[in-house]
Amino acid sequence: MGSEMCIRDRSIFIQVGSFGDRENARRLMERVENYGFDPQISTYSAGGGVMYRVRIGPEFSQSGAERVASSLSSHGFLVQIVGDE
């Protein structure tokens, strides 16, 4: 298998932001789309409220996720590689 680790049971996402306001998430999603990416907004509960995550993926390898994260970073986005929690 070499040094490349493929994750079959988990997907990897590149998170670009997380907001308590859906409109902020939508604006960030549009900015990311301008660079040719296909981000999605997902929701989760936190502190009794709803949070909106802007993510790209899934990627199925760490190196693939790192390539996307590097490209986003070069455009000034602060990103985090995360699992599919």
PDB file of N, CA and C in Angstrom:
ATOM      1  N   MET A   1       0.805  -1.181   0.000  1.00  0.00           N
ATOM      2  CA  MET A   1       0.000   0.000   0.000  1.00  0.00           C
ATOM      3  C   MET A   1       0.861   1.262   0.000  1.00  0.00           C
ATOM      4  N   GLY A   2       2.130   1.179   0.298  1.00  0.00           N
ATOM      5  CA  GLY A   2       3.018   2.336   0.275  1.00  0.00           C
ATOM      6  C   GLY A   2       2.711   3.295   1.405  1.00  0.00           C
ATOM      7  N   SER A   3       3.136   4.544   1.215  1.00  0.00           N
ATOM      8  CA  SER A   3       2.935   5.533   2.264  1.00  0.00           C
ATOM      9  C   SER A   3       1.562   6.194   2.194  1.00  0.00           C
ATOM     10  N   GLU A   4       0.827   5.974   1.123  1.00  0.00           N
ATOM     11  CA  GLU A   4      -0.505   6.557   0.985  1.00  0.00           C
ATOM     12  C   GLU A   4      -1.501   5.737   1.786  1.00  0.00           C
ATOM     13  N   MET A   5      -2.198   6.413   2.687  1.00  0.00           N
ATOM     14  CA  MET A   5      -3.187   5.727   3.498  1.00  0.00           C
ATOM     15  C   MET A   5      -4.570   6.054   2.968  1.00  0.00           C
ATOM     16  N   CYS A   6      -5.280   5.073   2.479  1.00  0.00           N
ATOM     17  CA  CYS A   6      -6.653   5.274   2.046  1.00  0.00           C
ATOM     18  C   CYS A   6      -7.565   4.906   3.201  1.00  0.00           C
ATOM     19  N   ILE A   7      -8.541   5.720   3.432  1.00  0.00           N
ATOM     20  CA  ILE A   7      -9.467   5.472   4.522  1.00  0.00           C
ATOM     21  C   ILE A   7     -10.770   4.999   3.904  1.00  0.00           C
ATOM     22  N   ARG A   8     -11.116   3.750   4.130  1.00  0.00           N
ATOM     23  CA  ARG A   8     -12.301   3.188   3.507  1.00  0.00           C
ATOM     24  C   ARG A   8     -13.552   3.404   4.331  1.00  0.00           C
ATOM     25  N   ASP A   9     -13.418   3.420   5.646  1.00  0.00           N
ATOM     26  CA  ASP A   9     -14.580   3.548   6.504  1.00  0.00           C
ATOM     27  C   ASP A   9     -14.891   4.998   6.851  1.00  0.00           C
ATOM     28  N   ARG A  10     -13.998   5.906   6.554  1.00  0.00           N
ATOM     29  CA  ARG A  10     -14.180   7.316   6.881  1.00  0.00           C
ATOM     30  C   ARG A  10     -13.852   8.160   5.678  1.00  0.00           C
ATOM     31  N   SER A  11     -14.545   9.239   5.570  1.00  0.00           N
ATOM     32  CA  SER A  11     -14.226  10.230   4.557  1.00  0.00           C
ATOM     33  C   SER A  11     -13.524  11.395   5.235  1.00  0.00           C
ATOM     34  N   ILE A  12     -12.788  12.131   4.452  1.00  0.00           N
ATOM     35  CA  ILE A  12     -12.056  13.283   4.956  1.00  0.00           C
ATOM     36  C   ILE A  12     -12.638  14.521   4.279  1.00  0.00           C
ATOM     37  N   PHE A  13     -12.875  15.551   5.071  1.00  0.00           N
ATOM     38  CA  PHE A  13     -13.396  16.808   4.546  1.00  0.00           C
ATOM     39  C   PHE A  13     -12.420  17.927   4.848  1.00  0.00           C
ATOM     40  N   ILE A  14     -12.491  18.982   4.049  1.00  0.00           N
ATOM     41  CA  ILE A  14     -11.714  20.178   4.283  1.00  0.00           C
ATOM     42  C   ILE A  14     -12.718  21.231   4.738  1.00  0.00           C
ATOM     43  N   GLN A  15     -12.613  21.613   6.000  1.00  0.00           N
ATOM     44  CA  GLN A  15     -13.548  22.593   6.556  1.00  0.00           C
ATOM     45  C   GLN A  15     -12.962  23.981   6.398  1.00  0.00           C
ATOM     46  N   VAL A  16     -13.778  24.866   5.811  1.00  0.00           N
ATOM     47  CA  VAL A  16     -13.339  26.222   5.541  1.00  0.00           C
ATOM     48  C   VAL A  16     -13.890  27.197   6.579  1.00  0.00           C
ATOM     49  N   GLY A  17     -14.980  26.835   7.229  1.00  0.00           N
ATOM     50  CA  GLY A  17     -15.540  27.709   8.250  1.00  0.00           C
ATOM     51  C   GLY A  17     -16.716  27.074   8.947  1.00  0.00           C
ATOM     52  N   SER A  18     -17.063  27.644  10.103  1.00  0.00           N
ATOM     53  CA  SER A  18     -18.210  27.205  10.880  1.00  0.00           C
ATOM     54  C   SER A  18     -18.846  28.448  11.500  1.00  0.00           C
ATOM     55  N   PHE A  19     -20.152  28.583  11.333  1.00  0.00           N
ATOM     56  CA  PHE A  19     -20.845  29.814  11.719  1.00  0.00           C
ATOM     57  C   PHE A  19     -22.156  29.514  12.431  1.00  0.00           C
ATOM     58  N   GLY A  20     -22.553  30.432  13.291  1.00  0.00           N
ATOM     59  CA  GLY A  20     -23.866  30.362  13.915  1.00  0.00           C
ATOM     60  C   GLY A  20     -24.940  30.985  13.045  1.00  0.00           C
ATOM     61  N   ASP A  21     -24.537  31.691  11.998  1.00  0.00           N
ATOM     62  CA  ASP A  21     -25.460  32.382  11.090  1.00  0.00           C
ATOM     63  C   ASP A  21     -25.339  31.760   9.690  1.00  0.00           C
ATOM     64  N   ARG A  22     -26.451  31.234   9.194  1.00  0.00           N
ATOM     65  CA  ARG A  22     -26.441  30.570   7.881  1.00  0.00           C
ATOM     66  C   ARG A  22     -25.984  31.511   6.768  1.00  0.00           C
ATOM     67  N   GLU A  23     -26.332  32.787   6.871  1.00  0.00           N
ATOM     68  CA  GLU A  23     -25.961  33.747   5.824  1.00  0.00           C
ATOM     69  C   GLU A  23     -24.441  33.901   5.729  1.00  0.00           C
ATOM     70  N   ASN A  24     -23.750  33.887   6.849  1.00  0.00           N
ATOM     71  CA  ASN A  24     -22.287  33.949   6.824  1.00  0.00           C
ATOM     72  C   ASN A  24     -21.711  32.714   6.137  1.00  0.00           C
ATOM     73  N   ALA A  25     -22.291  31.558   6.419  1.00  0.00           N
ATOM     74  CA  ALA A  25     -21.836  30.327   5.775  1.00  0.00           C
ATOM     75  C   ALA A  25     -22.079  30.383   4.272  1.00  0.00           C
ATOM     76  N   ARG A  26     -23.226  30.904   3.877  1.00  0.00           N
ATOM     77  CA  ARG A  26     -23.548  31.008   2.449  1.00  0.00           C
ATOM     78  C   ARG A  26     -22.568  31.935   1.729  1.00  0.00           C
ATOM     79  N   ARG A  27     -22.227  33.059   2.361  1.00  0.00           N
ATOM     80  CA  ARG A  27     -21.270  33.993   1.734  1.00  0.00           C
ATOM     81  C   ARG A  27     -19.896  33.355   1.560  1.00  0.00           C
ATOM     82  N   LEU A  28     -19.449  32.630   2.582  1.00  0.00           N
ATOM     83  CA  LEU A  28     -18.161  31.948   2.463  1.00  0.00           C
ATOM     84  C   LEU A  28     -18.224  30.881   1.377  1.00  0.00           C
ATOM     85  N   MET A  29     -19.317  30.138   1.320  1.00  0.00           N
ATOM     86  CA  MET A  29     -19.480  29.118   0.288  1.00  0.00           C
ATOM     87  C   MET A  29     -19.339  29.739  -1.104  1.00  0.00           C
ATOM     88  N   GLU A  30     -19.938  30.893  -1.317  1.00  0.00           N
ATOM     89  CA  GLU A  30     -19.846  31.561  -2.619  1.00  0.00           C
ATOM     90  C   GLU A  30     -18.419  31.986  -2.926  1.00  0.00           C
ATOM     91  N   ARG A  31     -17.693  32.485  -1.917  1.00  0.00           N
ATOM     92  CA  ARG A  31     -16.288  32.864  -2.137  1.00  0.00           C
ATOM     93  C   ARG A  31     -15.457  31.655  -2.548  1.00  0.00           C
ATOM     94  N   VAL A  32     -15.681  30.534  -1.877  1.00  0.00           N
ATOM     95  CA  VAL A  32     -14.927  29.310  -2.187  1.00  0.00           C
ATOM     96  C   VAL A  32     -15.278  28.822  -3.600  1.00  0.00           C
ATOM     97  N   GLU A  33     -16.546  28.914  -3.978  1.00  0.00           N
ATOM     98  CA  GLU A  33     -16.976  28.506  -5.324  1.00  0.00           C
ATOM     99  C   GLU A  33     -16.265  29.316  -6.400  1.00  0.00           C
ATOM    100  N   ASN A  34     -15.948  30.566  -6.114  1.00  0.00           N
ATOM    101  CA  ASN A  34     -15.265  31.420  -7.089  1.00  0.00           C
ATOM    102  C   ASN A  34     -13.891  30.874  -7.482  1.00  0.00           C
ATOM    103  N   TYR A  35     -13.337  29.994  -6.680  1.00  0.00           N
ATOM    104  CA  TYR A  35     -12.036  29.385  -6.976  1.00  0.00           C
ATOM    105  C   TYR A  35     -12.178  27.980  -7.574  1.00  0.00           C
ATOM    106  N   GLY A  36     -13.389  27.606  -7.954  1.00  0.00           N
ATOM    107  CA  GLY A  36     -13.601  26.338  -8.643  1.00  0.00           C
ATOM    108  C   GLY A  36     -13.873  25.147  -7.749  1.00  0.00           C
ATOM    109  N   PHE A  37     -14.091  25.377  -6.470  1.00  0.00           N
ATOM    110  CA  PHE A  37     -14.392  24.277  -5.559  1.00  0.00           C
ATOM    111  C   PHE A  37     -15.903  24.112  -5.441  1.00  0.00           C
ATOM    112  N   ASP A  38     -16.320  22.977  -4.903  1.00  0.00           N
ATOM    113  CA  ASP A  38     -17.738  22.667  -4.739  1.00  0.00           C
ATOM    114  C   ASP A  38     -18.049  22.463  -3.255  1.00  0.00           C
ATOM    115  N   PRO A  39     -18.123  23.547  -2.490  1.00  0.00           N
ATOM    116  CA  PRO A  39     -18.369  23.414  -1.057  1.00  0.00           C
ATOM    117  C   PRO A  39     -19.838  23.105  -0.758  1.00  0.00           C
ATOM    118  N   GLN A  40     -20.059  22.532   0.389  1.00  0.00           N
ATOM    119  CA  GLN A  40     -21.400  22.236   0.871  1.00  0.00           C
ATOM    120  C   GLN A  40     -21.556  22.825   2.263  1.00  0.00           C
ATOM    121  N   ILE A  41     -22.772  23.148   2.630  1.00  0.00           N
ATOM    122  CA  ILE A  41     -23.062  23.585   3.989  1.00  0.00           C
ATOM    123  C   ILE A  41     -23.744  22.434   4.709  1.00  0.00           C
ATOM    124  N   SER A  42     -23.208  22.074   5.865  1.00  0.00           N
ATOM    125  CA  SER A  42     -23.844  21.061   6.706  1.00  0.00           C
ATOM    126  C   SER A  42     -24.123  21.681   8.064  1.00  0.00           C
ATOM    127  N   THR A  43     -25.057  21.096   8.792  1.00  0.00           N
ATOM    128  CA  THR A  43     -25.433  21.647  10.089  1.00  0.00           C
ATOM    129  C   THR A  43     -25.119  20.657  11.197  1.00  0.00           C
ATOM    130  N   TYR A  44     -24.953  21.206  12.392  1.00  0.00           N
ATOM    131  CA  TYR A  44     -24.827  20.386  13.598  1.00  0.00           C
ATOM    132  C   TYR A  44     -25.282  21.218  14.788  1.00  0.00           C
ATOM    133  N   SER A  45     -25.666  20.554  15.850  1.00  0.00           N
ATOM    134  CA  SER A  45     -26.130  21.228  17.060  1.00  0.00           C
ATOM    135  C   SER A  45     -24.964  21.481  17.994  1.00  0.00           C
ATOM    136  N   ALA A  46     -24.944  22.682  18.573  1.00  0.00           N
ATOM    137  CA  ALA A  46     -23.894  23.031  19.536  1.00  0.00           C
ATOM    138  C   ALA A  46     -24.427  24.101  20.476  1.00  0.00           C
ATOM    139  N   GLY A  47     -24.293  23.865  21.750  1.00  0.00           N
ATOM    140  CA  GLY A  47     -24.700  24.865  22.731  1.00  0.00           C
ATOM    141  C   GLY A  47     -26.157  25.266  22.632  1.00  0.00           C
ATOM    142  N   GLY A  48     -27.015  24.347  22.254  1.00  0.00           N
ATOM    143  CA  GLY A  48     -28.436  24.645  22.146  1.00  0.00           C
ATOM    144  C   GLY A  48     -28.837  25.350  20.870  1.00  0.00           C
ATOM    145  N   GLY A  49     -27.888  25.544  19.951  1.00  0.00           N
ATOM    146  CA  GLY A  49     -28.196  26.202  18.684  1.00  0.00           C
ATOM    147  C   GLY A  49     -27.706  25.390  17.505  1.00  0.00           C
ATOM    148  N   VAL A  50     -27.917  25.927  16.335  1.00  0.00           N
ATOM    149  CA  VAL A  50     -27.489  25.264  15.109  1.00  0.00           C
ATOM    150  C   VAL A  50     -26.247  25.974  14.577  1.00  0.00           C
ATOM    151  N   MET A  51     -25.252  25.192  14.174  1.00  0.00           N
ATOM    152  CA  MET A  51     -24.042  25.717  13.546  1.00  0.00           C
ATOM    153  C   MET A  51     -24.035  25.254  12.089  1.00  0.00           C
ATOM    154  N   TYR A  52     -23.446  26.079  11.241  1.00  0.00           N
ATOM    155  CA  TYR A  52     -23.384  25.810   9.798  1.00  0.00           C
ATOM    156  C   TYR A  52     -21.920  25.695   9.393  1.00  0.00           C
ATOM    157  N   ARG A  53     -21.549  24.508   8.899  1.00  0.00           N
ATOM    158  CA  ARG A  53     -20.166  24.260   8.476  1.00  0.00           C
ATOM    159  C   ARG A  53     -20.069  24.363   6.965  1.00  0.00           C
ATOM    160  N   VAL A  54     -19.003  24.979   6.498  1.00  0.00           N
ATOM    161  CA  VAL A  54     -18.709  25.029   5.065  1.00  0.00           C
ATOM    162  C   VAL A  54     -17.561  24.059   4.838  1.00  0.00           C
ATOM    163  N   ARG A  55     -17.841  23.018   4.030  1.00  0.00           N
ATOM    164  CA  ARG A  55     -16.862  21.954   3.808  1.00  0.00           C
ATOM    165  C   ARG A  55     -16.768  21.583   2.341  1.00  0.00           C
ATOM    166  N   ILE A  56     -15.600  21.060   2.006  1.00  0.00           N
ATOM    167  CA  ILE A  56     -15.358  20.495   0.680  1.00  0.00           C
ATOM    168  C   ILE A  56     -15.022  19.031   0.892  1.00  0.00           C
ATOM    169  N   GLY A  57     -15.545  18.187   0.041  1.00  0.00           N
ATOM    170  CA  GLY A  57     -15.251  16.768   0.145  1.00  0.00           C
ATOM    171  C   GLY A  57     -16.493  15.959  -0.128  1.00  0.00           C
ATOM    172  N   PRO A  58     -16.400  14.683   0.078  1.00  0.00           N
ATOM    173  CA  PRO A  58     -15.304  14.007   0.772  1.00  0.00           C
ATOM    174  C   PRO A  58     -14.116  13.722  -0.128  1.00  0.00           C
ATOM    175  N   GLU A  59     -12.977  13.679   0.503  1.00  0.00           N
ATOM    176  CA  GLU A  59     -11.752  13.155  -0.100  1.00  0.00           C
ATOM    177  C   GLU A  59     -11.540  11.790   0.547  1.00  0.00           C
ATOM    178  N   PHE A  60     -10.951  10.866  -0.180  1.00  0.00           N
ATOM    179  CA  PHE A  60     -10.795   9.523   0.357  1.00  0.00           C
ATOM    180  C   PHE A  60      -9.345   9.169   0.676  1.00  0.00           C
ATOM    181  N   SER A  61      -8.465  10.171   0.571  1.00  0.00           N
ATOM    182  CA  SER A  61      -7.082   9.952   0.979  1.00  0.00           C
ATOM    183  C   SER A  61      -6.568  11.213   1.663  1.00  0.00           C
ATOM    184  N   GLN A  62      -5.656  11.032   2.561  1.00  0.00           N
ATOM    185  CA  GLN A  62      -5.063  12.164   3.265  1.00  0.00           C
ATOM    186  C   GLN A  62      -4.336  13.081   2.286  1.00  0.00           C
ATOM    187  N   SER A  63      -3.619  12.492   1.323  1.00  0.00           N
ATOM    188  CA  SER A  63      -2.882  13.335   0.379  1.00  0.00           C
ATOM    189  C   SER A  63      -3.827  14.157  -0.498  1.00  0.00           C
ATOM    190  N   GLY A  64      -4.972  13.585  -0.875  1.00  0.00           N
ATOM    191  CA  GLY A  64      -5.957  14.341  -1.642  1.00  0.00           C
ATOM    192  C   GLY A  64      -6.500  15.504  -0.847  1.00  0.00           C
ATOM    193  N   ALA A  65      -6.794  15.265   0.426  1.00  0.00           N
ATOM    194  CA  ALA A  65      -7.292  16.323   1.300  1.00  0.00           C
ATOM    195  C   ALA A  65      -6.232  17.410   1.479  1.00  0.00           C
ATOM    196  N   GLU A  66      -4.989  17.005   1.614  1.00  0.00           N
ATOM    197  CA  GLU A  66      -3.913  17.980   1.795  1.00  0.00           C
ATOM    198  C   GLU A  66      -3.719  18.838   0.551  1.00  0.00           C
ATOM    199  N   ARG A  67      -3.890  18.260  -0.638  1.00  0.00           N
ATOM    200  CA  ARG A  67      -3.788  19.043  -1.880  1.00  0.00           C
ATOM    201  C   ARG A  67      -4.873  20.117  -1.936  1.00  0.00           C
ATOM    202  N   VAL A  68      -6.110  19.720  -1.607  1.00  0.00           N
ATOM    203  CA  VAL A  68      -7.214  20.683  -1.616  1.00  0.00           C
ATOM    204  C   VAL A  68      -6.977  21.760  -0.563  1.00  0.00           C
ATOM    205  N   ALA A  69      -6.576  21.355   0.639  1.00  0.00           N
ATOM    206  CA  ALA A  69      -6.324  22.308   1.717  1.00  0.00           C
ATOM    207  C   ALA A  69      -5.224  23.293   1.336  1.00  0.00           C
ATOM    208  N   SER A  70      -4.177  22.800   0.697  1.00  0.00           N
ATOM    209  CA  SER A  70      -3.071  23.659   0.283  1.00  0.00           C
ATOM    210  C   SER A  70      -3.537  24.686  -0.747  1.00  0.00           C
ATOM    211  N   SER A  71      -4.340  24.237  -1.691  1.00  0.00           N
ATOM    212  CA  SER A  71      -4.850  25.147  -2.713  1.00  0.00           C
ATOM    213  C   SER A  71      -5.723  26.226  -2.080  1.00  0.00           C
ATOM    214  N   LEU A  72      -6.618  25.828  -1.175  1.00  0.00           N
ATOM    215  CA  LEU A  72      -7.471  26.798  -0.497  1.00  0.00           C
ATOM    216  C   LEU A  72      -6.643  27.779   0.325  1.00  0.00           C
ATOM    217  N   SER A  73      -5.636  27.270   1.008  1.00  0.00           N
ATOM    218  CA  SER A  73      -4.764  28.124   1.820  1.00  0.00           C
ATOM    219  C   SER A  73      -4.046  29.149   0.954  1.00  0.00           C
ATOM    220  N   SER A  74      -3.645  28.741  -0.250  1.00  0.00           N
ATOM    221  CA  SER A  74      -2.942  29.668  -1.136  1.00  0.00           C
ATOM    222  C   SER A  74      -3.843  30.816  -1.591  1.00  0.00           C
ATOM    223  N   HIS A  75      -5.160  30.625  -1.467  1.00  0.00           N
ATOM    224  CA  HIS A  75      -6.122  31.682  -1.801  1.00  0.00           C
ATOM    225  C   HIS A  75      -6.532  32.474  -0.560  1.00  0.00           C
ATOM    226  N   GLY A  76      -5.887  32.191   0.573  1.00  0.00           N
ATOM    227  CA  GLY A  76      -6.141  32.967   1.782  1.00  0.00           C
ATOM    228  C   GLY A  76      -7.169  32.401   2.736  1.00  0.00           C
ATOM    229  N   PHE A  77      -7.664  31.202   2.465  1.00  0.00           N
ATOM    230  CA  PHE A  77      -8.637  30.589   3.364  1.00  0.00           C
ATOM    231  C   PHE A  77      -7.922  29.861   4.498  1.00  0.00           C
ATOM    232  N   LEU A  78      -8.483  29.949   5.693  1.00  0.00           N
ATOM    233  CA  LEU A  78      -7.983  29.179   6.831  1.00  0.00           C
ATOM    234  C   LEU A  78      -8.779  27.875   6.861  1.00  0.00           C
ATOM    235  N   VAL A  79      -8.094  26.764   6.701  1.00  0.00           N
ATOM    236  CA  VAL A  79      -8.791  25.496   6.552  1.00  0.00           C
ATOM    237  C   VAL A  79      -8.353  24.503   7.616  1.00  0.00           C
ATOM    238  N   GLN A  80      -9.175  23.482   7.771  1.00  0.00           N
ATOM    239  CA  GLN A  80      -8.887  22.397   8.693  1.00  0.00           C
ATOM    240  C   GLN A  80      -9.330  21.097   8.031  1.00  0.00           C
ATOM    241  N   ILE A  81      -8.483  20.091   8.100  1.00  0.00           N
ATOM    242  CA  ILE A  81      -8.852  18.773   7.589  1.00  0.00           C
ATOM    243  C   ILE A  81      -9.536  18.020   8.725  1.00  0.00           C
ATOM    244  N   VAL A  82     -10.743  17.538   8.456  1.00  0.00           N
ATOM    245  CA  VAL A  82     -11.544  16.887   9.488  1.00  0.00           C
ATOM    246  C   VAL A  82     -12.138  15.583   8.979  1.00  0.00           C
ATOM    247  N   GLY A  83     -12.535  14.725   9.906  1.00  0.00           N
ATOM    248  CA  GLY A  83     -13.242  13.493   9.555  1.00  0.00           C
ATOM    249  C   GLY A  83     -14.727  13.774   9.367  1.00  0.00           C
ATOM    250  N   ASP A  84     -15.481  12.726   9.117  1.00  0.00           N
ATOM    251  CA  ASP A  84     -16.906  12.873   8.828  1.00  0.00           C
ATOM    252  C   ASP A  84     -17.765  12.694  10.069  1.00  0.00           C
ATOM    253  N   GLU A  85     -17.429  13.417  11.119  1.00  0.00           N
ATOM    254  CA  GLU A  85     -18.187  13.274  12.360  1.00  0.00           C
ATOM    255  C   GLU A  85     -19.618  13.709  12.251  1.00  0.00           C
TER     256      GLU A  85
END
